[in-house]
Amino acid sequence: MFTTILTGLLPSILLVCLGGLLRKRLSETAWTGLDRLNFEILFPALIFTTAAARPIPLESLVLIGPLVWAVLGLGLCLGWLARPFGPKRFLDFAGAWQTAWRFNTALGFVVIQALPSADLAFYSVAIGLAIPMANVFAVTALSRGEGLSLSVAIRKVMLNPFLLASLAGVAVGVSRIEIPAPLLAPLTLLAQAAIPVALISIGATLNWRALAKLDRFSGILVGTKLVALPTVVCGVALLTGASGPAVPVILIFAALPTASAAHVLAAGFGADRQLPATLIAQGTILSALTLPIWMTIAEALAGQ
């Protein structure tokens, strides 16, 4: 099983390595532009088409929603334990704090597709419900640090492209509306480009020396995301005897490294951008060791 999982991840690993080789072929502005393209267009298309691809039973929303919200809330609470060891300015801490609960949507699609027992539709519902809450947590924390008014903070949350795409996709899935093929085709083409572009960009912008900066503060935040959250989910699954396709999805969701765009959100509020960027690099690199383990456990739990 472990070999099968590594084989499934190999194409993604190679694309990340390709990005590292191409790092100097494009300017930093070009890579930033690619990230923006992914954020504004490609990933919203992927999130929408995946969520809208098949009917979504209302019971799936009732089942998955509270679970992913509980994982996010636990990440927020455990991440707060790093407060005494972080930067004094709350805005800078908030920029880093968000890495304890936000998740890498792109990598999640790759991992779920590599798991035989996982259901991609369940993952689409999970991120469709998790993205709004994750952004509410992050923007609220950053707004508190920046001193924004409540109306401005709400507007920043509601205009997030991932949020709009996920809500629209879930709405289509629940309502079982069929989108005409000529309208769906261009969205599908955009969606197909999202993951390869994201993986190449991650490889190009990843700070491979970030592990040398791992300290108590970053260790708490990275450990929360890669170890603590999936451990709690695994423990709950074992105690309750839960099984089925939702279990590996929730476990992998909890085990994903933080969102690769967290530093962009932090910078947008005026927080220190390098701190979350370092945390993203640390979590992404270490997840190459932790994710295969959690994927193996997820497969075992799904069939228990």
C-alpha atoms as a PDB file:
ATOM      1  CA  MET A   1       0.000   0.000   0.000  1.00  0.00           C
ATOM      2  CA  PHE A   2       2.805   2.413   0.943  1.00  0.00           C
ATOM      3  CA  THR A   3       4.494   1.806  -2.420  1.00  0.00           C
ATOM      4  CA  THR A   4       1.210   2.374  -4.263  1.00  0.00           C
ATOM      5  CA  ILE A   5       0.719   5.686  -2.492  1.00  0.00           C
ATOM      6  CA  LEU A   6       4.251   6.860  -3.272  1.00  0.00           C
ATOM      7  CA  THR A   7       3.746   5.873  -6.906  1.00  0.00           C
ATOM      8  CA  GLY A   8       0.558   7.918  -7.013  1.00  0.00           C
ATOM      9  CA  LEU A   9       2.384  10.941  -5.593  1.00  0.00           C
ATOM     10  CA  LEU A  10       5.420  10.600  -7.880  1.00  0.00           C
ATOM     11  CA  PRO A  11       4.018  12.722 -10.773  1.00  0.00           C
ATOM     12  CA  SER A  12       3.257  15.539  -8.349  1.00  0.00           C
ATOM     13  CA  ILE A  13       6.707  15.309  -6.771  1.00  0.00           C
ATOM     14  CA  LEU A  14       8.291  15.492 -10.231  1.00  0.00           C
ATOM     15  CA  LEU A  15       6.272  18.616 -11.082  1.00  0.00           C
ATOM     16  CA  VAL A  16       7.425  20.274  -7.853  1.00  0.00           C
ATOM     17  CA  CYS A  17      11.024  19.383  -8.750  1.00  0.00           C
ATOM     18  CA  LEU A  18      10.463  20.789 -12.236  1.00  0.00           C
ATOM     19  CA  GLY A  19       9.377  24.053 -10.665  1.00  0.00           C
ATOM     20  CA  GLY A  20      12.594  24.113  -8.654  1.00  0.00           C
ATOM     21  CA  LEU A  21      14.633  23.645 -11.848  1.00  0.00           C
ATOM     22  CA  LEU A  22      12.693  26.418 -13.616  1.00  0.00           C
ATOM     23  CA  ARG A  23      12.925  28.857 -10.709  1.00  0.00           C
ATOM     24  CA  LYS A  24      15.447  31.182 -12.389  1.00  0.00           C
ATOM     25  CA  ARG A  25      13.932  30.942 -15.867  1.00  0.00           C
ATOM     26  CA  LEU A  26      11.111  33.280 -14.836  1.00  0.00           C
ATOM     27  CA  SER A  27      11.206  36.412 -12.713  1.00  0.00           C
ATOM     28  CA  GLU A  28       9.675  36.588  -9.252  1.00  0.00           C
ATOM     29  CA  THR A  29       6.969  38.800 -10.735  1.00  0.00           C
ATOM     30  CA  ALA A  30       6.101  36.078 -13.250  1.00  0.00           C
ATOM     31  CA  TRP A  31       5.779  33.423 -10.543  1.00  0.00           C
ATOM     32  CA  THR A  32       3.649  35.794  -8.474  1.00  0.00           C
ATOM     33  CA  GLY A  33       1.456  36.321 -11.529  1.00  0.00           C
ATOM     34  CA  LEU A  34       1.012  32.559 -11.922  1.00  0.00           C
ATOM     35  CA  ASP A  35      -0.025  32.280  -8.275  1.00  0.00           C
ATOM     36  CA  ARG A  36      -2.522  35.069  -8.826  1.00  0.00           C
ATOM     37  CA  LEU A  37      -3.883  33.343 -11.938  1.00  0.00           C
ATOM     38  CA  ASN A  38      -4.352  30.168  -9.937  1.00  0.00           C
ATOM     39  CA  PHE A  39      -5.992  32.031  -7.062  1.00  0.00           C
ATOM     40  CA  GLU A  40      -8.374  34.110  -9.178  1.00  0.00           C
ATOM     41  CA  ILE A  41      -9.269  31.729 -12.042  1.00  0.00           C
ATOM     42  CA  LEU A  42      -7.798  28.228 -12.255  1.00  0.00           C
ATOM     43  CA  PHE A  43      -8.492  26.907  -8.756  1.00  0.00           C
ATOM     44  CA  PRO A  44     -11.930  28.467  -8.488  1.00  0.00           C
ATOM     45  CA  ALA A  45     -12.733  26.645 -11.742  1.00  0.00           C
ATOM     46  CA  LEU A  46     -11.411  23.375 -10.294  1.00  0.00           C
ATOM     47  CA  ILE A  47     -13.304  23.800  -7.024  1.00  0.00           C
ATOM     48  CA  PHE A  48     -16.539  24.675  -8.797  1.00  0.00           C
ATOM     49  CA  THR A  49     -16.445  21.928 -11.442  1.00  0.00           C
ATOM     50  CA  THR A  50     -15.512  19.245  -8.911  1.00  0.00           C
ATOM     51  CA  ALA A  51     -18.253  20.214  -6.479  1.00  0.00           C
ATOM     52  CA  ALA A  52     -20.840  20.607  -9.241  1.00  0.00           C
ATOM     53  CA  ALA A  53     -19.871  17.451 -11.147  1.00  0.00           C
ATOM     54  CA  ARG A  54     -22.351  15.188  -9.386  1.00  0.00           C
ATOM     55  CA  PRO A  55     -25.413  15.514  -7.128  1.00  0.00           C
ATOM     56  CA  ILE A  56     -24.574  16.241  -3.487  1.00  0.00           C
ATOM     57  CA  PRO A  57     -26.936  14.636  -0.981  1.00  0.00           C
ATOM     58  CA  LEU A  58     -27.968  16.958   1.817  1.00  0.00           C
ATOM     59  CA  GLU A  59     -26.910  14.326   4.332  1.00  0.00           C
ATOM     60  CA  SER A  60     -23.314  14.723   3.060  1.00  0.00           C
ATOM     61  CA  LEU A  61     -23.409  18.392   3.996  1.00  0.00           C
ATOM     62  CA  VAL A  62     -24.793  17.566   7.425  1.00  0.00           C
ATOM     63  CA  LEU A  63     -22.117  14.896   7.965  1.00  0.00           C
ATOM     64  CA  ILE A  64     -19.014  16.602   6.570  1.00  0.00           C
ATOM     65  CA  GLY A  65     -19.689  20.213   7.539  1.00  0.00           C
ATOM     66  CA  PRO A  66     -19.433  19.849  11.338  1.00  0.00           C
ATOM     67  CA  LEU A  67     -16.408  17.560  10.973  1.00  0.00           C
ATOM     68  CA  VAL A  68     -14.289  19.924   8.878  1.00  0.00           C
ATOM     69  CA  TRP A  69     -15.373  22.911  10.982  1.00  0.00           C
ATOM     70  CA  ALA A  70     -14.303  21.029  14.115  1.00  0.00           C
ATOM     71  CA  VAL A  71     -10.882  20.337  12.561  1.00  0.00           C
ATOM     72  CA  LEU A  72     -10.463  24.023  11.675  1.00  0.00           C
ATOM     73  CA  GLY A  73     -11.558  25.144  15.137  1.00  0.00           C
ATOM     74  CA  LEU A  74      -9.152  22.716  16.805  1.00  0.00           C
ATOM     75  CA  GLY A  75      -6.316  24.014  14.619  1.00  0.00           C
ATOM     76  CA  LEU A  76      -7.158  27.577  15.642  1.00  0.00           C
ATOM     77  CA  CYS A  77      -7.127  26.665  19.348  1.00  0.00           C
ATOM     78  CA  LEU A  78      -3.911  24.616  19.234  1.00  0.00           C
ATOM     79  CA  GLY A  79      -2.196  27.275  17.118  1.00  0.00           C
ATOM     80  CA  TRP A  80      -2.898  29.847  19.830  1.00  0.00           C
ATOM     81  CA  LEU A  81      -0.474  27.913  22.069  1.00  0.00           C
ATOM     82  CA  ALA A  82       2.336  29.398  19.978  1.00  0.00           C
ATOM     83  CA  ARG A  83       1.364  32.971  20.920  1.00  0.00           C
ATOM     84  CA  PRO A  84       3.929  33.386  23.743  1.00  0.00           C
ATOM     85  CA  PHE A  85       6.765  32.400  21.402  1.00  0.00           C
ATOM     86  CA  GLY A  86       5.766  34.453  18.366  1.00  0.00           C
ATOM     87  CA  PRO A  87       6.148  38.077  17.277  1.00  0.00           C
ATOM     88  CA  LYS A  88       4.938  40.746  19.693  1.00  0.00           C
ATOM     89  CA  ARG A  89       2.803  42.576  17.119  1.00  0.00           C
ATOM     90  CA  PHE A  90      -0.529  40.746  16.930  1.00  0.00           C
ATOM     91  CA  LEU A  91      -0.901  41.406  13.195  1.00  0.00           C
ATOM     92  CA  ASP A  92       2.359  39.574  12.480  1.00  0.00           C
ATOM     93  CA  PHE A  93       1.291  36.721  14.754  1.00  0.00           C
ATOM     94  CA  ALA A  94      -2.107  36.519  13.019  1.00  0.00           C
ATOM     95  CA  GLY A  95      -0.370  36.176   9.647  1.00  0.00           C
ATOM     96  CA  ALA A  96       1.482  33.137  10.984  1.00  0.00           C
ATOM     97  CA  TRP A  97      -1.357  31.819  13.178  1.00  0.00           C
ATOM     98  CA  GLN A  98      -3.546  31.130  10.139  1.00  0.00           C
ATOM     99  CA  THR A  99      -1.120  28.407   9.009  1.00  0.00           C
ATOM    100  CA  ALA A 100      -2.353  26.235  11.895  1.00  0.00           C
ATOM    101  CA  TRP A 101      -5.758  25.655  10.271  1.00  0.00           C
ATOM    102  CA  ARG A 102      -5.586  26.615   6.594  1.00  0.00           C
ATOM    103  CA  PHE A 103      -4.964  23.788   4.127  1.00  0.00           C
ATOM    104  CA  ASN A 104      -3.343  23.284   0.730  1.00  0.00           C
ATOM    105  CA  THR A 105      -6.313  22.680  -1.561  1.00  0.00           C
ATOM    106  CA  ALA A 106      -4.129  21.731  -4.549  1.00  0.00           C
ATOM    107  CA  LEU A 107      -2.177  19.065  -2.687  1.00  0.00           C
ATOM    108  CA  GLY A 108      -5.421  17.744  -1.249  1.00  0.00           C
ATOM    109  CA  PHE A 109      -6.790  17.032  -4.719  1.00  0.00           C
ATOM    110  CA  VAL A 110      -3.566  15.185  -5.597  1.00  0.00           C
ATOM    111  CA  VAL A 111      -3.573  13.079  -2.427  1.00  0.00           C
ATOM    112  CA  ILE A 112      -7.275  12.201  -2.571  1.00  0.00           C
ATOM    113  CA  GLN A 113      -6.935  11.089  -6.186  1.00  0.00           C
ATOM    114  CA  ALA A 114      -4.084   8.770  -5.120  1.00  0.00           C
ATOM    115  CA  LEU A 115      -6.226   7.050  -2.475  1.00  0.00           C
ATOM    116  CA  PRO A 116      -8.374   4.150  -3.761  1.00  0.00           C
ATOM    117  CA  SER A 117     -10.887   4.424  -0.892  1.00  0.00           C
ATOM    118  CA  ALA A 118     -11.351   8.216  -0.932  1.00  0.00           C
ATOM    119  CA  ASP A 119     -14.204   9.930  -2.754  1.00  0.00           C
ATOM    120  CA  LEU A 120     -13.247  13.102  -4.646  1.00  0.00           C
ATOM    121  CA  ALA A 121     -16.817  14.375  -4.356  1.00  0.00           C
ATOM    122  CA  PHE A 122     -16.598  14.160  -0.547  1.00  0.00           C
ATOM    123  CA  TYR A 123     -13.381  16.173  -0.676  1.00  0.00           C
ATOM    124  CA  SER A 124     -15.033  18.793  -2.873  1.00  0.00           C
ATOM    125  CA  VAL A 125     -17.845  19.125  -0.359  1.00  0.00           C
ATOM    126  CA  ALA A 126     -15.295  19.280   2.473  1.00  0.00           C
ATOM    127  CA  ILE A 127     -13.328  22.142   0.955  1.00  0.00           C
ATOM    128  CA  GLY A 128     -16.533  23.822  -0.187  1.00  0.00           C
ATOM    129  CA  LEU A 129     -17.612  24.012   3.443  1.00  0.00           C
ATOM    130  CA  ALA A 130     -14.140  24.512   4.948  1.00  0.00           C
ATOM    131  CA  ILE A 131     -12.896  27.378   2.761  1.00  0.00           C
ATOM    132  CA  PRO A 132     -15.510  29.875   3.997  1.00  0.00           C
ATOM    133  CA  MET A 133     -14.828  29.062   7.656  1.00  0.00           C
ATOM    134  CA  ALA A 134     -11.033  29.022   7.219  1.00  0.00           C
ATOM    135  CA  ASN A 135     -11.170  32.439   5.581  1.00  0.00           C
ATOM    136  CA  VAL A 136     -13.507  33.805   8.243  1.00  0.00           C
ATOM    137  CA  PHE A 137     -11.009  32.737  10.928  1.00  0.00           C
ATOM    138  CA  ALA A 138      -7.992  34.116   9.042  1.00  0.00           C
ATOM    139  CA  VAL A 139      -9.492  37.417   7.913  1.00  0.00           C
ATOM    140  CA  THR A 140     -11.057  38.044  11.338  1.00  0.00           C
ATOM    141  CA  ALA A 141      -7.691  37.520  13.060  1.00  0.00           C
ATOM    142  CA  LEU A 142      -5.840  39.703  10.547  1.00  0.00           C
ATOM    143  CA  SER A 143      -8.561  42.353  10.680  1.00  0.00           C
ATOM    144  CA  ARG A 144      -8.243  42.521  14.441  1.00  0.00           C
ATOM    145  CA  GLY A 145      -4.517  43.065  14.056  1.00  0.00           C
ATOM    146  CA  GLU A 146      -4.954  45.665  11.308  1.00  0.00           C
ATOM    147  CA  GLY A 147      -7.876  47.413  12.979  1.00  0.00           C
ATOM    148  CA  LEU A 148     -10.307  47.060  10.051  1.00  0.00           C
ATOM    149  CA  SER A 149     -13.988  47.738  10.538  1.00  0.00           C
ATOM    150  CA  LEU A 150     -16.379  44.797  10.646  1.00  0.00           C
ATOM    151  CA  SER A 151     -17.952  45.727   7.272  1.00  0.00           C
ATOM    152  CA  VAL A 152     -14.577  45.798   5.487  1.00  0.00           C
ATOM    153  CA  ALA A 153     -13.566  42.482   7.049  1.00  0.00           C
ATOM    154  CA  ILE A 154     -16.826  40.853   5.963  1.00  0.00           C
ATOM    155  CA  ARG A 155     -16.390  42.185   2.422  1.00  0.00           C
ATOM    156  CA  LYS A 156     -12.874  40.728   2.228  1.00  0.00           C
ATOM    157  CA  VAL A 157     -14.213  37.320   3.249  1.00  0.00           C
ATOM    158  CA  MET A 158     -17.235  37.335   0.940  1.00  0.00           C
ATOM    159  CA  LEU A 159     -15.254  38.330  -2.177  1.00  0.00           C
ATOM    160  CA  ASN A 160     -12.685  35.531  -1.815  1.00  0.00           C
ATOM    161  CA  PRO A 161     -12.646  33.602  -5.171  1.00  0.00           C
ATOM    162  CA  PHE A 162     -12.301  30.216  -3.442  1.00  0.00           C
ATOM    163  CA  LEU A 163     -15.289  31.021  -1.262  1.00  0.00           C
ATOM    164  CA  LEU A 164     -17.452  32.111  -4.188  1.00  0.00           C
ATOM    165  CA  ALA A 165     -16.490  29.069  -6.291  1.00  0.00           C
ATOM    166  CA  SER A 166     -17.036  26.585  -3.467  1.00  0.00           C
ATOM    167  CA  LEU A 167     -20.435  27.988  -2.503  1.00  0.00           C
ATOM    168  CA  ALA A 168     -21.540  28.062  -6.151  1.00  0.00           C
ATOM    169  CA  GLY A 169     -20.349  24.503  -6.769  1.00  0.00           C
ATOM    170  CA  VAL A 170     -22.019  23.133  -3.664  1.00  0.00           C
ATOM    171  CA  ALA A 171     -25.226  24.990  -4.563  1.00  0.00           C
ATOM    172  CA  VAL A 172     -25.253  23.411  -8.030  1.00  0.00           C
ATOM    173  CA  GLY A 173     -24.509  19.973  -6.588  1.00  0.00           C
ATOM    174  CA  VAL A 174     -27.260  20.205  -4.000  1.00  0.00           C
ATOM    175  CA  SER A 175     -29.822  21.607  -6.445  1.00  0.00           C
ATOM    176  CA  ARG A 176     -28.808  19.001  -9.085  1.00  0.00           C
ATOM    177  CA  ILE A 177     -28.864  21.599 -11.842  1.00  0.00           C
ATOM    178  CA  GLU A 178     -27.202  20.421 -15.058  1.00  0.00           C
ATOM    179  CA  ILE A 179     -24.882  23.013 -16.592  1.00  0.00           C
ATOM    180  CA  PRO A 180     -24.983  23.026 -20.424  1.00  0.00           C
ATOM    181  CA  ALA A 181     -21.894  21.402 -21.937  1.00  0.00           C
ATOM    182  CA  PRO A 182     -20.786  24.491 -23.943  1.00  0.00           C
ATOM    183  CA  LEU A 183     -20.679  26.501 -20.696  1.00  0.00           C
ATOM    184  CA  LEU A 184     -19.013  23.762 -18.664  1.00  0.00           C
ATOM    185  CA  ALA A 185     -16.293  22.943 -21.230  1.00  0.00           C
ATOM    186  CA  PRO A 186     -14.143  26.087 -20.772  1.00  0.00           C
ATOM    187  CA  LEU A 187     -14.378  25.757 -16.982  1.00  0.00           C
ATOM    188  CA  THR A 188     -13.212  22.158 -17.264  1.00  0.00           C
ATOM    189  CA  LEU A 189     -10.214  23.184 -19.365  1.00  0.00           C
ATOM    190  CA  LEU A 190      -9.255  25.812 -16.791  1.00  0.00           C
ATOM    191  CA  ALA A 191      -9.688  23.290 -13.973  1.00  0.00           C
ATOM    192  CA  GLN A 192      -7.348  20.798 -15.665  1.00  0.00           C
ATOM    193  CA  ALA A 193      -4.530  23.358 -15.595  1.00  0.00           C
ATOM    194  CA  ALA A 194      -4.895  24.277 -11.911  1.00  0.00           C
ATOM    195  CA  ILE A 195      -2.983  21.461 -10.219  1.00  0.00           C
ATOM    196  CA  PRO A 196       0.030  21.280 -12.628  1.00  0.00           C
ATOM    197  CA  VAL A 197       0.484  25.062 -12.515  1.00  0.00           C
ATOM    198  CA  ALA A 198       0.196  25.107  -8.717  1.00  0.00           C
ATOM    199  CA  LEU A 199       2.708  22.291  -8.233  1.00  0.00           C
ATOM    200  CA  ILE A 200       5.268  23.884 -10.569  1.00  0.00           C
ATOM    201  CA  SER A 201       4.824  27.233  -8.838  1.00  0.00           C
ATOM    202  CA  ILE A 202       5.235  25.647  -5.401  1.00  0.00           C
ATOM    203  CA  GLY A 203       8.514  24.092  -6.502  1.00  0.00           C
ATOM    204  CA  ALA A 204       9.734  27.408  -7.931  1.00  0.00           C
ATOM    205  CA  THR A 205       8.945  29.484  -4.858  1.00  0.00           C
ATOM    206  CA  LEU A 206       9.650  26.929  -2.113  1.00  0.00           C
ATOM    207  CA  ASN A 207      12.439  27.878   0.278  1.00  0.00           C
ATOM    208  CA  TRP A 208      14.264  24.580   0.613  1.00  0.00           C
ATOM    209  CA  ARG A 209      16.427  25.971   3.471  1.00  0.00           C
ATOM    210  CA  ALA A 210      13.434  26.815   5.655  1.00  0.00           C
ATOM    211  CA  LEU A 211      13.893  23.750   7.866  1.00  0.00           C
ATOM    212  CA  ALA A 212      17.004  25.376   9.325  1.00  0.00           C
ATOM    213  CA  LYS A 213      14.693  28.062  10.784  1.00  0.00           C
ATOM    214  CA  LEU A 214      12.451  25.576  12.615  1.00  0.00           C
ATOM    215  CA  ASP A 215      12.075  26.743  16.235  1.00  0.00           C
ATOM    216  CA  ARG A 216       9.574  26.381  19.077  1.00  0.00           C
ATOM    217  CA  PHE A 217       7.117  28.860  17.545  1.00  0.00           C
ATOM    218  CA  SER A 218       7.090  27.331  14.070  1.00  0.00           C
ATOM    219  CA  GLY A 219       7.292  23.829  15.536  1.00  0.00           C
ATOM    220  CA  ILE A 220       3.982  24.320  17.361  1.00  0.00           C
ATOM    221  CA  LEU A 221       2.211  25.644  14.255  1.00  0.00           C
ATOM    222  CA  VAL A 222       3.651  23.079  11.820  1.00  0.00           C
ATOM    223  CA  GLY A 223       3.193  20.263  14.337  1.00  0.00           C
ATOM    224  CA  THR A 224      -0.440  21.249  14.815  1.00  0.00           C
ATOM    225  CA  LYS A 225      -1.133  20.928  11.097  1.00  0.00           C
ATOM    226  CA  LEU A 226       0.894  17.825  10.238  1.00  0.00           C
ATOM    227  CA  VAL A 227       0.657  15.772  13.440  1.00  0.00           C
ATOM    228  CA  ALA A 228      -1.837  16.959  16.063  1.00  0.00           C
ATOM    229  CA  LEU A 229      -4.940  17.441  13.889  1.00  0.00           C
ATOM    230  CA  PRO A 230      -4.719  14.121  11.976  1.00  0.00           C
ATOM    231  CA  THR A 231      -3.870  12.314  15.228  1.00  0.00           C
ATOM    232  CA  VAL A 232      -7.079  13.603  16.835  1.00  0.00           C
ATOM    233  CA  VAL A 233      -9.139  12.637  13.758  1.00  0.00           C
ATOM    234  CA  CYS A 234      -7.553   9.187  13.737  1.00  0.00           C
ATOM    235  CA  GLY A 235      -8.233   8.737  17.449  1.00  0.00           C
ATOM    236  CA  VAL A 236     -11.875   9.759  17.098  1.00  0.00           C
ATOM    237  CA  ALA A 237     -12.329   7.376  14.144  1.00  0.00           C
ATOM    238  CA  LEU A 238     -10.874   4.483  16.123  1.00  0.00           C
ATOM    239  CA  LEU A 239     -12.926   5.242  19.230  1.00  0.00           C
ATOM    240  CA  THR A 240     -16.189   5.518  17.308  1.00  0.00           C
ATOM    241  CA  GLY A 241     -15.463   2.715  14.845  1.00  0.00           C
ATOM    242  CA  ALA A 242     -16.166   5.039  11.919  1.00  0.00           C
ATOM    243  CA  SER A 243     -15.479   3.761   8.403  1.00  0.00           C
ATOM    244  CA  GLY A 244     -16.409   4.466   4.793  1.00  0.00           C
ATOM    245  CA  PRO A 245     -15.283   7.022   2.183  1.00  0.00           C
ATOM    246  CA  ALA A 246     -15.727  10.052   4.450  1.00  0.00           C
ATOM    247  CA  VAL A 247     -13.091   8.865   6.939  1.00  0.00           C
ATOM    248  CA  PRO A 248     -10.018   9.073   4.680  1.00  0.00           C
ATOM    249  CA  VAL A 249     -11.214  12.412   3.312  1.00  0.00           C
ATOM    250  CA  ILE A 250     -11.478  13.996   6.781  1.00  0.00           C
ATOM    251  CA  LEU A 251      -8.169  12.467   7.890  1.00  0.00           C
ATOM    252  CA  ILE A 252      -6.294  13.695   4.827  1.00  0.00           C
ATOM    253  CA  PHE A 253      -7.989  17.072   5.096  1.00  0.00           C
ATOM    254  CA  ALA A 254      -6.652  17.356   8.653  1.00  0.00           C
ATOM    255  CA  ALA A 255      -3.151  16.207   7.624  1.00  0.00           C
ATOM    256  CA  LEU A 256      -2.619  18.613   4.712  1.00  0.00           C
ATOM    257  CA  PRO A 257       0.102  21.257   5.038  1.00  0.00           C
ATOM    258  CA  THR A 258      -1.050  24.839   5.188  1.00  0.00           C
ATOM    259  CA  ALA A 259      -2.319  26.826   2.200  1.00  0.00           C
ATOM    260  CA  SER A 260       0.477  27.966  -0.108  1.00  0.00           C
ATOM    261  CA  ALA A 261      -1.217  31.374  -0.483  1.00  0.00           C
ATOM    262  CA  ALA A 262      -1.327  32.182   3.250  1.00  0.00           C
ATOM    263  CA  HIS A 263       1.580  34.584   2.898  1.00  0.00           C
ATOM    264  CA  VAL A 264      -0.307  36.475   0.168  1.00  0.00           C
ATOM    265  CA  LEU A 265      -3.238  37.066   2.531  1.00  0.00           C
ATOM    266  CA  ALA A 266      -0.870  38.120   5.329  1.00  0.00           C
ATOM    267  CA  ALA A 267       0.899  40.592   3.055  1.00  0.00           C
ATOM    268  CA  GLY A 268      -2.434  41.996   1.910  1.00  0.00           C
ATOM    269  CA  PHE A 269      -3.173  43.031   5.488  1.00  0.00           C
ATOM    270  CA  GLY A 270       0.290  44.464   6.072  1.00  0.00           C
ATOM    271  CA  ALA A 271       1.584  41.593   8.219  1.00  0.00           C
ATOM    272  CA  ASP A 272       5.086  40.141   8.007  1.00  0.00           C
ATOM    273  CA  ARG A 273       5.060  38.067   4.797  1.00  0.00           C
ATOM    274  CA  GLN A 274       8.293  36.148   5.360  1.00  0.00           C
ATOM    275  CA  LEU A 275       7.112  34.450   8.558  1.00  0.00           C
ATOM    276  CA  PRO A 276       4.110  32.645   7.020  1.00  0.00           C
ATOM    277  CA  ALA A 277       6.161  31.957   3.866  1.00  0.00           C
ATOM    278  CA  THR A 278       8.748  30.168   6.009  1.00  0.00           C
ATOM    279  CA  LEU A 279       6.017  28.212   7.813  1.00  0.00           C
ATOM    280  CA  ILE A 280       4.501  27.198   4.468  1.00  0.00           C
ATOM    281  CA  ALA A 281       7.877  25.942   3.239  1.00  0.00           C
ATOM    282  CA  GLN A 282       8.539  24.028   6.457  1.00  0.00           C
ATOM    283  CA  GLY A 283       5.127  22.381   6.440  1.00  0.00           C
ATOM    284  CA  THR A 284       5.214  21.531   2.738  1.00  0.00           C
ATOM    285  CA  ILE A 285       8.666  19.941   2.941  1.00  0.00           C
ATOM    286  CA  LEU A 286       7.885  17.946   6.087  1.00  0.00           C
ATOM    287  CA  SER A 287       4.532  16.803   4.661  1.00  0.00           C
ATOM    288  CA  ALA A 288       6.472  14.719   2.139  1.00  0.00           C
ATOM    289  CA  LEU A 289       7.333  12.536   5.149  1.00  0.00           C
ATOM    290  CA  THR A 290       4.064  12.709   7.074  1.00  0.00           C
ATOM    291  CA  LEU A 291       1.447  12.498   4.316  1.00  0.00           C
ATOM    292  CA  PRO A 292       2.363   8.997   3.067  1.00  0.00           C
ATOM    293  CA  ILE A 293       2.008   7.753   6.655  1.00  0.00           C
ATOM    294  CA  TRP A 294      -1.409   9.356   7.111  1.00  0.00           C
ATOM    295  CA  MET A 295      -2.498   8.110   3.677  1.00  0.00           C
ATOM    296  CA  THR A 296      -1.634   4.553   4.702  1.00  0.00           C
ATOM    297  CA  ILE A 297      -3.559   4.950   7.966  1.00  0.00           C
ATOM    298  CA  ALA A 298      -6.503   6.484   6.082  1.00  0.00           C
ATOM    299  CA  GLU A 299      -6.738   3.453   3.815  1.00  0.00           C
ATOM    300  CA  ALA A 300      -6.678   1.139   6.837  1.00  0.00           C
ATOM    301  CA  LEU A 301      -9.413   3.119   8.629  1.00  0.00           C
ATOM    302  CA  ALA A 302     -11.631   3.171   5.539  1.00  0.00           C
ATOM    303  CA  GLY A 303     -11.733  -0.613   5.471  1.00  0.00           C
ATOM    304  CA  GLN A 304     -11.958  -1.309   9.197  1.00  0.00           C
END
